[in-house]
N, C-alpha and C. Protein backbone atom coordinates (compact mmCIF):
# COMPACT_ATOMS: atom_id res chain seq x y z
N MET A 1 130.86 103.86 107.42
CA MET A 1 131.15 105.24 107.11
C MET A 1 130.09 106.13 107.77
N ALA A 2 130.51 107.12 108.49
CA ALA A 2 129.58 108.04 109.16
C ALA A 2 128.90 108.93 108.13
N ALA A 3 127.65 109.25 108.39
CA ALA A 3 126.89 110.11 107.49
C ALA A 3 127.44 111.52 107.51
N GLU A 4 127.44 112.16 106.35
CA GLU A 4 127.92 113.54 106.24
C GLU A 4 126.76 114.51 106.49
N THR A 5 127.12 115.76 106.70
CA THR A 5 126.14 116.83 106.87
C THR A 5 126.30 117.82 105.74
N PHE A 6 125.19 118.19 105.12
CA PHE A 6 125.18 119.22 104.09
C PHE A 6 125.34 120.55 104.81
N ALA A 7 126.47 121.22 104.62
CA ALA A 7 126.85 122.35 105.47
C ALA A 7 126.53 123.73 104.89
N TRP A 8 126.01 123.81 103.68
CA TRP A 8 125.77 125.10 103.06
C TRP A 8 124.39 125.62 103.42
N THR A 9 124.27 126.94 103.56
CA THR A 9 123.00 127.57 103.92
C THR A 9 122.30 128.05 102.65
N PRO A 10 121.06 127.62 102.42
CA PRO A 10 120.35 128.03 101.21
C PRO A 10 119.89 129.48 101.28
N GLN A 11 119.50 129.99 100.11
CA GLN A 11 118.90 131.32 100.07
C GLN A 11 117.60 131.30 100.84
N PHE A 12 117.24 132.42 101.42
CA PHE A 12 115.96 132.54 102.08
C PHE A 12 114.86 132.40 101.03
N GLY A 13 113.78 131.75 101.39
CA GLY A 13 112.65 131.62 100.48
C GLY A 13 112.48 130.24 99.89
N GLY A 14 113.19 129.24 100.39
CA GLY A 14 112.95 127.88 99.94
C GLY A 14 111.54 127.46 100.32
N SER A 15 111.15 126.29 99.88
CA SER A 15 109.82 125.80 100.23
C SER A 15 109.88 124.34 100.63
N ALA A 16 108.85 123.91 101.32
CA ALA A 16 108.75 122.52 101.76
C ALA A 16 107.36 122.01 101.42
N SER A 17 107.27 120.73 101.13
CA SER A 17 105.97 120.13 100.88
C SER A 17 105.96 118.73 101.49
N VAL A 18 104.77 118.25 101.76
CA VAL A 18 104.58 116.90 102.29
C VAL A 18 103.47 116.25 101.49
N LYS A 19 103.71 115.01 101.04
CA LYS A 19 102.67 114.24 100.36
C LYS A 19 102.58 112.89 101.07
N PRO A 20 101.57 112.71 101.93
CA PRO A 20 101.45 111.45 102.65
C PRO A 20 101.33 110.27 101.69
N ARG A 21 102.02 109.17 102.04
CA ARG A 21 101.88 107.93 101.26
C ARG A 21 100.66 107.18 101.78
N VAL A 22 99.73 106.93 100.89
CA VAL A 22 98.45 106.32 101.27
C VAL A 22 98.13 105.20 100.29
N LYS A 23 97.60 104.10 100.81
CA LYS A 23 97.04 103.04 99.96
C LYS A 23 95.56 103.30 99.84
N ASP A 24 95.08 103.33 98.63
CA ASP A 24 93.68 103.65 98.36
C ASP A 24 93.06 102.46 97.65
N MET A 25 92.00 101.90 98.24
CA MET A 25 91.34 100.74 97.64
C MET A 25 89.91 101.12 97.28
N GLN A 26 89.60 100.99 96.01
CA GLN A 26 88.25 101.29 95.54
C GLN A 26 87.37 100.06 95.73
N LEU A 27 86.25 100.25 96.38
CA LEU A 27 85.29 99.18 96.62
C LEU A 27 84.07 99.40 95.73
N GLY A 28 83.13 98.50 95.76
CA GLY A 28 81.93 98.63 94.94
C GLY A 28 81.07 99.81 95.36
N ASP A 29 80.18 100.20 94.46
CA ASP A 29 79.20 101.27 94.69
C ASP A 29 79.85 102.60 95.08
N GLY A 30 81.07 102.88 94.62
CA GLY A 30 81.71 104.16 94.86
C GLY A 30 82.40 104.31 96.20
N TYR A 31 82.39 103.28 97.01
CA TYR A 31 83.07 103.35 98.30
C TYR A 31 84.57 103.18 98.11
N ALA A 32 85.32 103.78 99.02
CA ALA A 32 86.77 103.65 98.99
C ALA A 32 87.27 103.56 100.42
N GLN A 33 88.42 102.90 100.57
CA GLN A 33 89.07 102.83 101.87
C GLN A 33 90.52 103.25 101.69
N ARG A 34 91.00 104.07 102.61
CA ARG A 34 92.37 104.55 102.56
C ARG A 34 93.06 104.23 103.88
N ILE A 35 94.32 103.81 103.77
CA ILE A 35 95.13 103.54 104.96
C ILE A 35 96.54 104.06 104.71
N PRO A 36 97.28 104.41 105.78
CA PRO A 36 98.67 104.82 105.60
C PRO A 36 99.48 103.68 104.98
N ASP A 37 100.41 104.02 104.09
CA ASP A 37 101.24 103.03 103.41
C ASP A 37 102.53 102.83 104.20
N GLY A 38 102.47 102.01 105.24
CA GLY A 38 103.65 101.69 106.04
C GLY A 38 103.85 102.67 107.17
N ILE A 39 105.09 102.70 107.69
CA ILE A 39 105.43 103.65 108.75
C ILE A 39 106.14 104.84 108.10
N ASN A 40 106.27 105.92 108.82
CA ASN A 40 106.93 107.12 108.27
C ASN A 40 106.31 107.52 106.93
N THR A 41 105.02 107.74 106.95
CA THR A 41 104.27 107.95 105.71
C THR A 41 104.20 109.41 105.26
N MET A 42 104.88 110.30 105.96
CA MET A 42 104.78 111.72 105.58
C MET A 42 106.16 112.33 105.37
N PRO A 43 106.87 111.90 104.31
CA PRO A 43 108.20 112.47 104.05
C PRO A 43 108.10 113.92 103.58
N ARG A 44 109.04 114.71 104.02
CA ARG A 44 109.10 116.14 103.66
C ARG A 44 110.01 116.32 102.45
N MET A 45 109.60 117.17 101.54
CA MET A 45 110.41 117.55 100.38
C MET A 45 110.82 119.00 100.58
N GLN A 46 112.09 119.31 100.41
CA GLN A 46 112.61 120.68 100.55
C GLN A 46 113.11 121.15 99.19
N GLN A 47 112.58 122.24 98.68
CA GLN A 47 113.08 122.85 97.46
C GLN A 47 113.93 124.04 97.89
N LEU A 48 115.20 124.02 97.46
CA LEU A 48 116.17 125.01 97.93
C LEU A 48 116.94 125.61 96.77
N GLY A 49 117.44 126.82 97.00
CA GLY A 49 118.26 127.49 96.00
C GLY A 49 119.51 128.07 96.62
N PHE A 50 120.57 128.11 95.84
CA PHE A 50 121.85 128.65 96.26
C PHE A 50 122.36 129.56 95.15
N ARG A 51 122.81 130.74 95.51
CA ARG A 51 123.45 131.67 94.57
C ARG A 51 124.80 132.01 95.17
N GLU A 52 125.83 131.42 94.59
CA GLU A 52 127.16 131.48 95.19
C GLU A 52 128.23 131.60 94.09
N PRO A 53 129.45 131.96 94.49
CA PRO A 53 130.57 131.92 93.53
C PRO A 53 130.77 130.50 93.00
N PRO A 54 131.36 130.37 91.81
CA PRO A 54 131.53 129.05 91.20
C PRO A 54 132.24 128.03 92.10
N ALA A 55 133.23 128.43 92.88
CA ALA A 55 133.95 127.48 93.74
C ALA A 55 133.02 126.86 94.78
N VAL A 56 132.11 127.66 95.34
CA VAL A 56 131.16 127.14 96.33
C VAL A 56 130.18 126.20 95.65
N CYS A 57 129.68 126.58 94.47
CA CYS A 57 128.75 125.71 93.74
C CYS A 57 129.43 124.41 93.32
N ASP A 58 130.72 124.48 92.98
CA ASP A 58 131.48 123.26 92.67
C ASP A 58 131.50 122.33 93.87
N ALA A 59 131.71 122.89 95.07
CA ALA A 59 131.76 122.07 96.29
C ALA A 59 130.40 121.45 96.58
N ILE A 60 129.33 122.21 96.39
CA ILE A 60 127.98 121.67 96.60
C ILE A 60 127.72 120.54 95.62
N GLU A 61 128.05 120.77 94.36
CA GLU A 61 127.81 119.75 93.33
C GLU A 61 128.66 118.50 93.57
N THR A 62 129.89 118.66 94.00
CA THR A 62 130.74 117.51 94.32
C THR A 62 130.12 116.70 95.46
N PHE A 63 129.62 117.37 96.48
CA PHE A 63 128.95 116.70 97.60
C PHE A 63 127.77 115.89 97.09
N LEU A 64 126.92 116.50 96.26
CA LEU A 64 125.74 115.80 95.74
C LEU A 64 126.12 114.63 94.85
N GLN A 65 127.14 114.80 94.02
CA GLN A 65 127.60 113.71 93.16
C GLN A 65 128.14 112.54 93.98
N ARG A 66 128.82 112.86 95.06
CA ARG A 66 129.38 111.81 95.92
C ARG A 66 128.26 110.94 96.50
N HIS A 67 127.12 111.54 96.80
CA HIS A 67 125.99 110.79 97.36
C HIS A 67 125.11 110.17 96.28
N ALA A 68 125.21 110.68 95.06
CA ALA A 68 124.64 110.07 93.85
C ALA A 68 123.14 109.78 93.93
N GLY A 69 122.41 110.52 94.75
CA GLY A 69 120.97 110.29 94.86
C GLY A 69 120.61 109.00 95.58
N VAL A 70 121.62 108.32 96.11
CA VAL A 70 121.41 107.02 96.75
C VAL A 70 121.64 107.09 98.25
N ARG A 71 122.77 107.66 98.64
CA ARG A 71 123.11 107.71 100.07
C ARG A 71 122.50 108.96 100.70
N TRP A 72 122.01 108.80 101.91
CA TRP A 72 121.41 109.93 102.61
C TRP A 72 122.49 110.71 103.35
N PHE A 73 122.13 111.93 103.73
CA PHE A 73 123.00 112.80 104.52
C PHE A 73 122.11 113.67 105.40
N TRP A 74 122.72 114.33 106.35
CA TRP A 74 121.98 115.20 107.26
C TRP A 74 121.82 116.58 106.64
N PHE A 75 120.65 117.19 106.89
CA PHE A 75 120.41 118.57 106.48
C PHE A 75 119.55 119.25 107.53
N ALA A 76 119.89 120.49 107.85
CA ALA A 76 119.08 121.28 108.79
C ALA A 76 118.78 122.63 108.14
N TYR A 77 117.51 122.87 107.85
CA TYR A 77 117.11 124.19 107.36
C TYR A 77 117.28 125.16 108.52
N PRO A 78 117.79 126.36 108.26
CA PRO A 78 118.05 127.30 109.37
C PRO A 78 116.83 127.45 110.29
N GLY A 79 117.07 127.24 111.57
CA GLY A 79 116.01 127.36 112.56
C GLY A 79 115.18 126.10 112.75
N ARG A 80 115.52 125.02 112.07
CA ARG A 80 114.78 123.76 112.18
C ARG A 80 115.74 122.64 112.60
N GLY A 81 115.16 121.53 113.06
CA GLY A 81 115.98 120.38 113.41
C GLY A 81 116.51 119.69 112.18
N ARG A 82 117.54 118.88 112.36
CA ARG A 82 118.12 118.20 111.21
C ARG A 82 117.30 116.97 110.84
N ILE A 83 117.34 116.65 109.54
CA ILE A 83 116.63 115.48 109.01
C ILE A 83 117.55 114.74 108.05
N LYS A 84 117.26 113.47 107.83
CA LYS A 84 117.99 112.68 106.84
C LYS A 84 117.34 112.91 105.49
N VAL A 85 118.17 113.23 104.48
CA VAL A 85 117.65 113.49 103.14
C VAL A 85 118.54 112.85 102.09
N LYS A 86 117.99 112.76 100.89
CA LYS A 86 118.76 112.40 99.70
C LYS A 86 118.40 113.40 98.62
N CYS A 87 119.26 113.55 97.64
CA CYS A 87 119.03 114.48 96.55
C CYS A 87 119.28 113.75 95.23
N ALA A 88 118.21 113.51 94.49
CA ALA A 88 118.33 112.75 93.24
C ALA A 88 118.42 113.65 92.01
N GLU A 89 118.18 114.96 92.19
CA GLU A 89 118.21 115.85 91.03
C GLU A 89 118.51 117.28 91.46
N TRP A 90 119.33 117.94 90.67
CA TRP A 90 119.62 119.35 90.90
C TRP A 90 119.93 120.00 89.56
N THR A 91 119.83 121.32 89.54
CA THR A 91 120.07 122.09 88.32
C THR A 91 121.06 123.20 88.65
N ARG A 92 122.02 123.39 87.76
CA ARG A 92 122.99 124.47 87.94
C ARG A 92 122.85 125.45 86.78
N GLN A 93 122.78 126.72 87.12
CA GLN A 93 122.68 127.78 86.11
C GLN A 93 123.82 128.76 86.29
N TYR A 94 124.10 129.49 85.23
CA TYR A 94 125.22 130.44 85.22
C TYR A 94 124.68 131.83 84.83
N PRO A 95 124.02 132.54 85.76
CA PRO A 95 123.34 133.79 85.42
C PRO A 95 124.25 134.99 85.19
N ALA A 96 125.43 134.99 85.78
CA ALA A 96 126.33 136.13 85.65
C ALA A 96 127.77 135.67 85.89
N PRO A 97 128.72 136.36 85.30
CA PRO A 97 130.12 135.99 85.56
C PRO A 97 130.43 136.04 87.05
N GLY A 98 131.04 134.99 87.54
CA GLY A 98 131.44 134.94 88.94
C GLY A 98 130.33 134.58 89.91
N MET A 99 129.15 134.20 89.39
CA MET A 99 128.04 133.84 90.26
C MET A 99 127.23 132.73 89.60
N ASP A 100 127.08 131.62 90.29
CA ASP A 100 126.30 130.48 89.79
C ASP A 100 125.10 130.25 90.69
N GLU A 101 124.13 129.52 90.19
CA GLU A 101 122.95 129.16 90.97
C GLU A 101 122.73 127.66 90.91
N ILE A 102 122.37 127.08 92.03
CA ILE A 102 121.99 125.67 92.09
C ILE A 102 120.60 125.59 92.70
N SER A 103 119.70 124.90 92.02
CA SER A 103 118.36 124.61 92.54
C SER A 103 118.31 123.11 92.77
N LEU A 104 117.78 122.71 93.92
CA LEU A 104 117.74 121.28 94.22
C LEU A 104 116.53 120.95 95.06
N GLN A 105 116.26 119.67 95.13
CA GLN A 105 115.17 119.19 95.98
C GLN A 105 115.69 118.06 96.85
N PHE A 106 115.52 118.22 98.16
CA PHE A 106 115.87 117.17 99.11
C PHE A 106 114.60 116.40 99.45
N GLU A 107 114.73 115.09 99.50
CA GLU A 107 113.62 114.23 99.92
C GLU A 107 114.00 113.57 101.24
N GLN A 108 113.16 113.71 102.24
CA GLN A 108 113.42 113.10 103.53
C GLN A 108 113.36 111.59 103.42
N VAL A 109 114.29 110.91 104.06
CA VAL A 109 114.32 109.45 104.10
C VAL A 109 114.33 109.01 105.55
N PHE A 110 113.97 107.78 105.80
CA PHE A 110 113.85 107.27 107.16
C PHE A 110 114.72 106.06 107.38
N ASP A 111 115.87 106.01 106.69
CA ASP A 111 116.79 104.89 106.83
C ASP A 111 117.32 104.80 108.26
N PRO A 112 117.64 103.60 108.72
CA PRO A 112 118.19 103.47 110.07
C PRO A 112 119.63 103.99 110.13
N GLY A 113 120.09 104.25 111.31
CA GLY A 113 121.48 104.65 111.51
C GLY A 113 121.63 106.14 111.72
N ASP A 114 122.84 106.50 112.17
CA ASP A 114 123.15 107.92 112.40
C ASP A 114 124.21 108.40 111.48
């Protein structure tokens, strides 16, 4: 099955963070040694928000449920290259009639394949 692309554009003002994966070994007398934990040790996390009519939020939520936090998909933040991500958690709010909000976090993955 070919990987899908997350096609919705988030609200301006999302954020990204990177937390390098590092192995840290404590040695005697206060010394420590740190090394990268494998390859692809700097996954990017994208925090995004969407404020859309309920039908659009339904489509976004259906897409995320279909991938179930397990399967990756393509995502491209506007003006950036595409990356493989998964989404294990999202929140939906209902701030006003006819307008819903979804907040989510994408985690970059480095699985093989296109």
